[in-house]
Amino acid sequence: MTKTILVAHRSHYGSSRRYAEWLAERLHCPAVEWDRVRPEALAGVQTLVLVGGVYAGCWSCASGVKKRAAQLAGKEVVSCFCGLTPREEVDLAAIKGQNLPSGAAAFWLPGDFDFDALGLVHKGLIRLARRDLLGVAVRRADEGELAPVLAHLQGEGAER
């Protein structure tokens, strides 16, 4: 039996959206913006894959998960956190603690960064916290990074 999957994303600068679209293409399912997912769309879904950026340690999909907790009950939730931090420096447990249902799988995906594309608030935060990123553009999003997520969804993989 094939499970019904929905891929939802919340992306400020594009990396999470790109990963969601790649996943949806490989899984032959829709990719939609997380803020536009309606209760009736979730009702027929067995597995929800959420792809969202992590900004200053906060996952962009977290508040939506909390609001939809009742609708997510009994569903498999696979969370993909996207950001610039190197994987070995990421505390997945801390990010999973941001409103994710217990048992949700978690994966880290490397994201892109372009200082010039940031909004004013994010530029200000970078100026305060990460002066090393002023004027920098980094391209790390790679479709190959989705292999562990796809393996998990096919029942073969573990978190990463």
N, C-alpha and C. Protein backbone atom coordinates (compact mmCIF):
# COMPACT_ATOMS: atom_id res chain seq x y z
N MET A 1 0.84 -1.18 0.00
CA MET A 1 0.00 0.00 0.00
C MET A 1 0.88 1.25 0.00
N THR A 2 0.58 2.18 -0.85
CA THR A 2 1.32 3.43 -0.94
C THR A 2 0.73 4.42 0.05
N LYS A 3 1.62 5.06 0.83
CA LYS A 3 1.11 6.04 1.79
C LYS A 3 0.91 7.39 1.12
N THR A 4 -0.05 8.12 1.61
CA THR A 4 -0.34 9.45 1.10
C THR A 4 0.58 10.45 1.77
N ILE A 5 1.34 11.18 0.96
CA ILE A 5 2.35 12.10 1.48
C ILE A 5 2.05 13.52 1.00
N LEU A 6 2.27 14.48 1.88
CA LEU A 6 2.21 15.89 1.54
C LEU A 6 3.52 16.52 2.00
N VAL A 7 4.14 17.29 1.12
CA VAL A 7 5.34 18.03 1.48
C VAL A 7 4.95 19.49 1.62
N ALA A 8 5.23 20.05 2.78
CA ALA A 8 4.92 21.47 3.03
C ALA A 8 6.22 22.18 3.41
N HIS A 9 6.31 23.44 3.05
CA HIS A 9 7.53 24.19 3.31
C HIS A 9 7.23 25.61 3.78
N ARG A 10 8.20 26.15 4.46
CA ARG A 10 8.15 27.56 4.85
C ARG A 10 9.57 28.08 4.64
N SER A 11 9.71 28.96 3.67
CA SER A 11 11.03 29.40 3.24
C SER A 11 11.07 30.91 3.09
N HIS A 12 12.05 31.52 3.73
CA HIS A 12 12.22 32.97 3.58
C HIS A 12 13.04 33.30 2.33
N TYR A 13 14.08 32.51 2.07
CA TYR A 13 15.02 32.87 1.02
C TYR A 13 15.20 31.82 -0.06
N GLY A 14 14.42 30.72 -0.03
CA GLY A 14 14.38 29.81 -1.16
C GLY A 14 14.93 28.41 -1.00
N SER A 15 15.87 28.17 -0.10
CA SER A 15 16.46 26.83 0.01
C SER A 15 15.42 25.79 0.43
N SER A 16 14.62 26.10 1.43
CA SER A 16 13.61 25.14 1.90
C SER A 16 12.59 24.85 0.81
N ARG A 17 12.19 25.86 0.08
CA ARG A 17 11.23 25.68 -1.01
C ARG A 17 11.82 24.76 -2.08
N ARG A 18 13.09 24.98 -2.41
CA ARG A 18 13.75 24.16 -3.42
C ARG A 18 13.82 22.69 -2.97
N TYR A 19 14.21 22.46 -1.71
CA TYR A 19 14.24 21.09 -1.19
C TYR A 19 12.85 20.46 -1.24
N ALA A 20 11.83 21.21 -0.86
CA ALA A 20 10.46 20.69 -0.86
C ALA A 20 10.03 20.31 -2.28
N GLU A 21 10.36 21.13 -3.24
CA GLU A 21 10.00 20.83 -4.62
C GLU A 21 10.74 19.60 -5.13
N TRP A 22 12.02 19.46 -4.77
CA TRP A 22 12.77 18.26 -5.16
C TRP A 22 12.15 17.01 -4.55
N LEU A 23 11.81 17.10 -3.25
CA LEU A 23 11.18 15.96 -2.57
C LEU A 23 9.85 15.59 -3.23
N ALA A 24 9.02 16.57 -3.46
CA ALA A 24 7.71 16.33 -4.05
C ALA A 24 7.84 15.68 -5.42
N GLU A 25 8.80 16.13 -6.18
CA GLU A 25 9.02 15.54 -7.51
C GLU A 25 9.41 14.07 -7.38
N ARG A 26 10.32 13.77 -6.46
CA ARG A 26 10.78 12.39 -6.28
C ARG A 26 9.69 11.50 -5.68
N LEU A 27 8.82 12.08 -4.83
CA LEU A 27 7.77 11.31 -4.17
C LEU A 27 6.44 11.30 -4.92
N HIS A 28 6.38 12.07 -6.00
CA HIS A 28 5.15 12.18 -6.80
C HIS A 28 3.98 12.64 -5.95
N CYS A 29 4.21 13.72 -5.22
CA CYS A 29 3.16 14.28 -4.36
C CYS A 29 3.25 15.81 -4.44
N PRO A 30 2.27 16.51 -3.89
CA PRO A 30 2.31 17.96 -3.94
C PRO A 30 3.29 18.57 -2.93
N ALA A 31 3.78 19.76 -3.28
CA ALA A 31 4.56 20.59 -2.35
C ALA A 31 3.81 21.91 -2.24
N VAL A 32 3.48 22.29 -1.02
CA VAL A 32 2.71 23.52 -0.80
C VAL A 32 3.33 24.33 0.34
N GLU A 33 3.01 25.61 0.35
CA GLU A 33 3.47 26.46 1.45
C GLU A 33 2.74 26.05 2.72
N TRP A 34 3.49 25.89 3.80
CA TRP A 34 2.94 25.42 5.07
C TRP A 34 1.81 26.31 5.55
N ASP A 35 1.91 27.60 5.37
CA ASP A 35 0.87 28.52 5.83
C ASP A 35 -0.43 28.38 5.04
N ARG A 36 -0.38 27.72 3.89
CA ARG A 36 -1.58 27.56 3.05
C ARG A 36 -2.23 26.19 3.17
N VAL A 37 -1.67 25.33 4.00
CA VAL A 37 -2.23 23.99 4.17
C VAL A 37 -3.50 24.09 5.03
N ARG A 38 -4.59 23.63 4.49
CA ARG A 38 -5.89 23.67 5.18
C ARG A 38 -6.15 22.34 5.89
N PRO A 39 -6.99 22.36 6.94
CA PRO A 39 -7.30 21.14 7.68
C PRO A 39 -7.79 20.00 6.79
N GLU A 40 -8.61 20.32 5.79
CA GLU A 40 -9.13 19.27 4.92
C GLU A 40 -8.02 18.63 4.07
N ALA A 41 -6.97 19.40 3.77
CA ALA A 41 -5.84 18.83 3.03
C ALA A 41 -5.06 17.86 3.91
N LEU A 42 -4.94 18.17 5.19
CA LEU A 42 -4.24 17.28 6.12
C LEU A 42 -5.03 16.02 6.44
N ALA A 43 -6.34 16.11 6.35
CA ALA A 43 -7.19 14.98 6.75
C ALA A 43 -6.86 13.70 5.99
N GLY A 44 -6.56 13.81 4.70
CA GLY A 44 -6.31 12.61 3.90
C GLY A 44 -4.84 12.22 3.80
N VAL A 45 -3.99 12.85 4.59
CA VAL A 45 -2.55 12.62 4.51
C VAL A 45 -2.10 11.68 5.62
N GLN A 46 -1.29 10.70 5.27
CA GLN A 46 -0.71 9.79 6.27
C GLN A 46 0.64 10.31 6.76
N THR A 47 1.41 10.89 5.85
CA THR A 47 2.75 11.39 6.18
C THR A 47 2.87 12.84 5.74
N LEU A 48 3.29 13.67 6.68
CA LEU A 48 3.54 15.07 6.39
C LEU A 48 5.05 15.32 6.50
N VAL A 49 5.62 15.82 5.41
CA VAL A 49 7.04 16.19 5.41
C VAL A 49 7.08 17.71 5.47
N LEU A 50 7.71 18.23 6.52
CA LEU A 50 7.82 19.68 6.70
C LEU A 50 9.26 20.12 6.47
N VAL A 51 9.44 21.07 5.58
CA VAL A 51 10.77 21.58 5.28
C VAL A 51 10.76 23.07 5.60
N GLY A 52 11.63 23.47 6.53
CA GLY A 52 11.65 24.87 6.91
C GLY A 52 13.02 25.33 7.34
N GLY A 53 13.25 26.61 7.17
CA GLY A 53 14.52 27.19 7.56
C GLY A 53 14.67 27.34 9.06
N VAL A 54 15.91 27.32 9.49
CA VAL A 54 16.23 27.58 10.90
C VAL A 54 16.98 28.90 10.93
N TYR A 55 16.42 29.84 11.65
CA TYR A 55 16.98 31.19 11.75
C TYR A 55 17.23 31.49 13.21
N ALA A 56 18.48 31.71 13.56
CA ALA A 56 18.86 31.97 14.96
C ALA A 56 18.33 30.88 15.89
N GLY A 57 18.38 29.64 15.43
CA GLY A 57 17.96 28.51 16.25
C GLY A 57 16.47 28.23 16.27
N CYS A 58 15.68 29.03 15.57
CA CYS A 58 14.23 28.85 15.56
C CYS A 58 13.77 28.29 14.21
N TRP A 59 13.00 27.19 14.25
CA TRP A 59 12.52 26.56 13.04
C TRP A 59 11.29 27.29 12.53
N SER A 60 11.27 27.63 11.26
CA SER A 60 10.19 28.44 10.69
C SER A 60 8.82 27.74 10.69
N CYS A 61 8.77 26.44 10.78
CA CYS A 61 7.50 25.70 10.77
C CYS A 61 6.93 25.45 12.16
N ALA A 62 7.68 25.78 13.21
CA ALA A 62 7.32 25.40 14.58
C ALA A 62 5.95 25.91 15.02
N SER A 63 5.65 27.17 14.78
CA SER A 63 4.37 27.70 15.27
C SER A 63 3.19 27.05 14.55
N GLY A 64 3.35 26.74 13.27
CA GLY A 64 2.29 26.07 12.53
C GLY A 64 2.03 24.67 13.03
N VAL A 65 3.09 24.00 13.47
CA VAL A 65 2.94 22.65 14.02
C VAL A 65 2.14 22.71 15.31
N LYS A 66 2.45 23.69 16.13
CA LYS A 66 1.72 23.84 17.40
C LYS A 66 0.24 24.11 17.15
N LYS A 67 -0.06 24.98 16.21
CA LYS A 67 -1.46 25.32 15.90
C LYS A 67 -2.24 24.13 15.36
N ARG A 68 -1.53 23.26 14.64
CA ARG A 68 -2.19 22.13 13.99
C ARG A 68 -1.98 20.80 14.73
N ALA A 69 -1.60 20.86 15.98
CA ALA A 69 -1.28 19.65 16.74
C ALA A 69 -2.39 18.60 16.67
N ALA A 70 -3.63 19.00 16.83
CA ALA A 70 -4.74 18.05 16.81
C ALA A 70 -4.88 17.41 15.43
N GLN A 71 -4.65 18.18 14.38
CA GLN A 71 -4.77 17.66 13.02
C GLN A 71 -3.62 16.71 12.68
N LEU A 72 -2.50 16.84 13.37
CA LEU A 72 -1.32 16.00 13.10
C LEU A 72 -1.32 14.71 13.91
N ALA A 73 -2.20 14.62 14.88
CA ALA A 73 -2.26 13.42 15.72
C ALA A 73 -2.47 12.18 14.86
N GLY A 74 -1.65 11.17 15.08
CA GLY A 74 -1.76 9.92 14.34
C GLY A 74 -1.09 9.91 12.98
N LYS A 75 -0.48 11.02 12.60
CA LYS A 75 0.21 11.09 11.31
C LYS A 75 1.71 10.97 11.52
N GLU A 76 2.39 10.44 10.53
CA GLU A 76 3.85 10.44 10.55
C GLU A 76 4.30 11.84 10.16
N VAL A 77 5.15 12.44 10.97
CA VAL A 77 5.69 13.76 10.66
C VAL A 77 7.20 13.61 10.46
N VAL A 78 7.67 14.09 9.33
CA VAL A 78 9.09 14.07 9.01
C VAL A 78 9.51 15.53 8.86
N SER A 79 10.43 15.95 9.71
CA SER A 79 10.85 17.35 9.71
C SER A 79 12.23 17.50 9.09
N CYS A 80 12.34 18.48 8.22
CA CYS A 80 13.61 18.80 7.58
C CYS A 80 13.96 20.24 7.93
N PHE A 81 15.06 20.39 8.65
CA PHE A 81 15.52 21.70 9.08
C PHE A 81 16.61 22.15 8.11
N CYS A 82 16.47 23.34 7.60
CA CYS A 82 17.39 23.83 6.58
C CYS A 82 18.12 25.06 7.10
N GLY A 83 19.45 25.06 7.00
CA GLY A 83 20.19 26.21 7.46
C GLY A 83 21.65 26.19 7.04
N LEU A 84 22.34 27.22 7.45
CA LEU A 84 23.73 27.41 7.06
C LEU A 84 24.72 26.72 7.99
N THR A 85 24.30 26.44 9.21
CA THR A 85 25.18 25.82 10.20
C THR A 85 25.64 24.45 9.71
N PRO A 86 26.92 24.12 9.85
CA PRO A 86 27.38 22.78 9.46
C PRO A 86 26.66 21.70 10.28
N ARG A 87 26.31 20.60 9.64
CA ARG A 87 25.54 19.51 10.26
C ARG A 87 26.12 19.07 11.60
N GLU A 88 27.44 18.96 11.69
CA GLU A 88 28.06 18.48 12.92
C GLU A 88 27.90 19.45 14.09
N GLU A 89 27.52 20.68 13.82
CA GLU A 89 27.32 21.67 14.88
C GLU A 89 25.85 21.85 15.26
N VAL A 90 24.97 21.11 14.61
CA VAL A 90 23.53 21.27 14.83
C VAL A 90 23.05 20.35 15.95
N ASP A 91 22.24 20.89 16.84
CA ASP A 91 21.61 20.12 17.90
C ASP A 91 20.19 19.79 17.47
N LEU A 92 20.02 18.66 16.76
CA LEU A 92 18.70 18.29 16.27
C LEU A 92 17.68 18.14 17.38
N ALA A 93 18.10 17.62 18.51
CA ALA A 93 17.17 17.44 19.63
C ALA A 93 16.59 18.77 20.08
N ALA A 94 17.40 19.81 20.14
CA ALA A 94 16.91 21.12 20.56
C ALA A 94 15.90 21.68 19.56
N ILE A 95 16.17 21.50 18.28
CA ILE A 95 15.23 22.01 17.28
C ILE A 95 13.96 21.17 17.28
N LYS A 96 14.10 19.85 17.46
CA LYS A 96 12.91 18.99 17.52
C LYS A 96 12.03 19.37 18.70
N GLY A 97 12.60 19.93 19.73
CA GLY A 97 11.84 20.34 20.90
C GLY A 97 10.91 21.51 20.63
N GLN A 98 10.98 22.08 19.45
CA GLN A 98 10.14 23.23 19.10
C GLN A 98 8.81 22.76 18.50
N ASN A 99 7.97 22.22 19.35
CA ASN A 99 6.59 21.85 19.01
C ASN A 99 6.42 20.62 18.14
N LEU A 100 7.47 19.85 17.87
CA LEU A 100 7.30 18.65 17.06
C LEU A 100 6.65 17.54 17.85
N PRO A 101 5.78 16.77 17.20
CA PRO A 101 5.19 15.62 17.90
C PRO A 101 6.28 14.63 18.28
N SER A 102 6.10 13.93 19.39
CA SER A 102 7.10 12.93 19.78
C SER A 102 7.14 11.86 18.69
N GLY A 103 8.33 11.38 18.41
CA GLY A 103 8.51 10.36 17.39
C GLY A 103 8.71 10.92 16.00
N ALA A 104 8.64 12.23 15.84
CA ALA A 104 8.85 12.81 14.51
C ALA A 104 10.31 12.62 14.10
N ALA A 105 10.53 12.23 12.87
CA ALA A 105 11.89 12.09 12.34
C ALA A 105 12.43 13.48 12.04
N ALA A 106 13.75 13.63 12.14
CA ALA A 106 14.36 14.94 11.91
C ALA A 106 15.62 14.80 11.05
N PHE A 107 15.77 15.73 10.12
CA PHE A 107 16.91 15.74 9.21
C PHE A 107 17.40 17.17 9.05
N TRP A 108 18.71 17.32 8.90
CA TRP A 108 19.32 18.63 8.65
C TRP A 108 19.71 18.71 7.20
N LEU A 109 19.34 19.80 6.55
CA LEU A 109 19.69 20.04 5.16
C LEU A 109 20.48 21.34 5.05
N PRO A 110 21.63 21.32 4.40
CA PRO A 110 22.41 22.55 4.27
C PRO A 110 21.73 23.53 3.31
N GLY A 111 21.65 24.77 3.74
CA GLY A 111 20.97 25.77 2.94
C GLY A 111 21.91 26.77 2.30
N ASP A 112 21.34 27.60 1.48
CA ASP A 112 22.08 28.68 0.83
C ASP A 112 22.00 29.93 1.69
N PHE A 113 22.92 30.83 1.44
CA PHE A 113 22.94 32.10 2.16
C PHE A 113 23.45 33.17 1.21
N ASP A 114 22.75 34.28 1.17
CA ASP A 114 23.19 35.41 0.35
C ASP A 114 22.88 36.68 1.13
N PHE A 115 23.90 37.28 1.71
CA PHE A 115 23.71 38.46 2.55
C PHE A 115 22.92 39.54 1.82
N ASP A 116 23.23 39.76 0.56
CA ASP A 116 22.56 40.84 -0.19
C ASP A 116 21.07 40.58 -0.40
N ALA A 117 20.63 39.32 -0.32
CA ALA A 117 19.21 38.99 -0.51
C ALA A 117 18.40 39.07 0.79
N LEU A 118 19.07 39.26 1.91
CA LEU A 118 18.38 39.29 3.20
C LEU A 118 17.52 40.55 3.35
N GLY A 119 16.46 40.41 4.13
CA GLY A 119 15.65 41.56 4.50
C GLY A 119 16.39 42.39 5.54
N LEU A 120 15.89 43.56 5.84
CA LEU A 120 16.56 44.47 6.77
C LEU A 120 16.76 43.88 8.16
N VAL A 121 15.74 43.21 8.68
CA VAL A 121 15.84 42.63 10.02
C VAL A 121 16.93 41.57 10.07
N HIS A 122 16.92 40.67 9.09
CA HIS A 122 17.93 39.61 9.07
C HIS A 122 19.33 40.17 8.84
N LYS A 123 19.45 41.20 8.00
CA LYS A 123 20.77 41.83 7.81
C LYS A 123 21.27 42.40 9.13
N GLY A 124 20.37 43.03 9.88
CA GLY A 124 20.75 43.60 11.17
C GLY A 124 21.19 42.53 12.15
N LEU A 125 20.48 41.41 12.19
CA LEU A 125 20.86 40.32 13.08
C LEU A 125 22.22 39.73 12.70
N ILE A 126 22.46 39.59 11.41
CA ILE A 126 23.76 39.07 10.96
C ILE A 126 24.87 40.04 11.33
N ARG A 127 24.61 41.33 11.19
CA ARG A 127 25.63 42.33 11.56
C ARG A 127 25.99 42.22 13.04
N LEU A 128 25.01 41.89 13.87
CA LEU A 128 25.26 41.76 15.30
C LEU A 128 25.93 40.44 15.67
N ALA A 129 25.49 39.36 15.04
CA ALA A 129 25.91 38.03 15.49
C ALA A 129 26.99 37.36 14.64
N ARG A 130 27.02 37.64 13.35
CA ARG A 130 27.92 36.91 12.46
C ARG A 130 28.59 37.86 11.47
N ARG A 131 29.45 38.69 11.97
CA ARG A 131 30.13 39.67 11.10
C ARG A 131 30.90 38.98 9.97
N ASP A 132 31.28 37.72 10.18
CA ASP A 132 32.00 36.97 9.16
C ASP A 132 31.15 36.70 7.92
N LEU A 133 29.83 36.89 8.01
CA LEU A 133 28.94 36.64 6.88
C LEU A 133 28.54 37.90 6.12
N LEU A 134 29.04 39.05 6.53
CA LEU A 134 28.70 40.30 5.84
C LEU A 134 29.17 40.23 4.39
N GLY A 135 28.24 40.42 3.47
CA GLY A 135 28.57 40.42 2.05
C GLY A 135 28.82 39.05 1.44
N VAL A 136 28.63 37.99 2.19
CA VAL A 136 28.96 36.64 1.73
C VAL A 136 27.76 35.99 1.03
N ALA A 137 28.05 35.17 0.03
CA ALA A 137 27.05 34.30 -0.60
C ALA A 137 27.59 32.88 -0.56
N VAL A 138 26.78 31.95 -0.05
CA VAL A 138 27.17 30.55 0.08
C VAL A 138 26.10 29.69 -0.57
N ARG A 139 26.50 28.75 -1.39
CA ARG A 139 25.56 27.84 -2.05
C ARG A 139 25.82 26.42 -1.57
N ARG A 140 24.91 25.89 -0.74
CA ARG A 140 25.07 24.54 -0.20
C ARG A 140 23.89 23.63 -0.48
N ALA A 141 22.75 24.19 -0.89
CA ALA A 141 21.58 23.36 -1.16
C ALA A 141 21.93 22.39 -2.30
N ASP A 142 21.63 21.12 -2.08
CA ASP A 142 22.01 20.08 -3.03
C ASP A 142 20.96 18.97 -2.96
N GLU A 143 20.39 18.62 -4.08
CA GLU A 143 19.35 17.59 -4.11
C GLU A 143 19.84 16.27 -3.54
N GLY A 144 21.11 15.98 -3.66
CA GLY A 144 21.68 14.75 -3.11
C GLY A 144 21.56 14.65 -1.60
N GLU A 145 21.42 15.78 -0.91
CA GLU A 145 21.27 15.79 0.55
C GLU A 145 19.94 15.17 0.99
N LEU A 146 19.03 14.97 0.06
CA LEU A 146 17.72 14.40 0.39
C LEU A 146 17.73 12.88 0.48
N ALA A 147 18.85 12.24 0.15
CA ALA A 147 18.91 10.77 0.17
C ALA A 147 18.48 10.17 1.51
N PRO A 148 18.95 10.68 2.67
CA PRO A 148 18.50 10.10 3.94
C PRO A 148 17.00 10.30 4.20
N VAL A 149 16.46 11.41 3.76
CA VAL A 149 15.02 11.67 3.94
C VAL A 149 14.23 10.68 3.10
N LEU A 150 14.63 10.51 1.86
CA LEU A 150 13.95 9.57 0.98
C LEU A 150 14.08 8.14 1.50
N ALA A 151 15.26 7.78 1.99
CA ALA A 151 15.46 6.43 2.55
C ALA A 151 14.54 6.22 3.75
N HIS A 152 14.41 7.22 4.60
CA HIS A 152 13.52 7.12 5.76
C HIS A 152 12.08 6.90 5.30
N LEU A 153 11.65 7.68 4.34
CA LEU A 153 10.27 7.59 3.86
C LEU A 153 9.99 6.24 3.19
N GLN A 154 11.05 5.60 2.71
CA GLN A 154 10.91 4.28 2.11
C GLN A 154 11.19 3.18 3.13
N GLY A 155 11.34 3.57 4.41
CA GLY A 155 11.53 2.61 5.48
C GLY A 155 12.93 2.07 5.62
N GLU A 156 13.94 2.80 5.10
CA GLU A 156 15.31 2.29 5.12
C GLU A 156 16.27 3.07 5.99
N GLY A 157 15.91 4.28 6.40
CA GLY A 157 16.93 5.13 6.99
C GLY A 157 16.67 5.60 8.40
N ALA A 158 17.67 6.25 8.93
CA ALA A 158 17.61 6.84 10.27
C ALA A 158 17.76 8.35 10.15
N GLU A 159 17.59 9.03 11.28
CA GLU A 159 17.75 10.48 11.30
C GLU A 159 19.18 10.86 11.01
N ARG A 160 19.33 12.08 10.54
CA ARG A 160 20.68 12.56 10.25
C ARG A 160 20.70 14.07 10.34
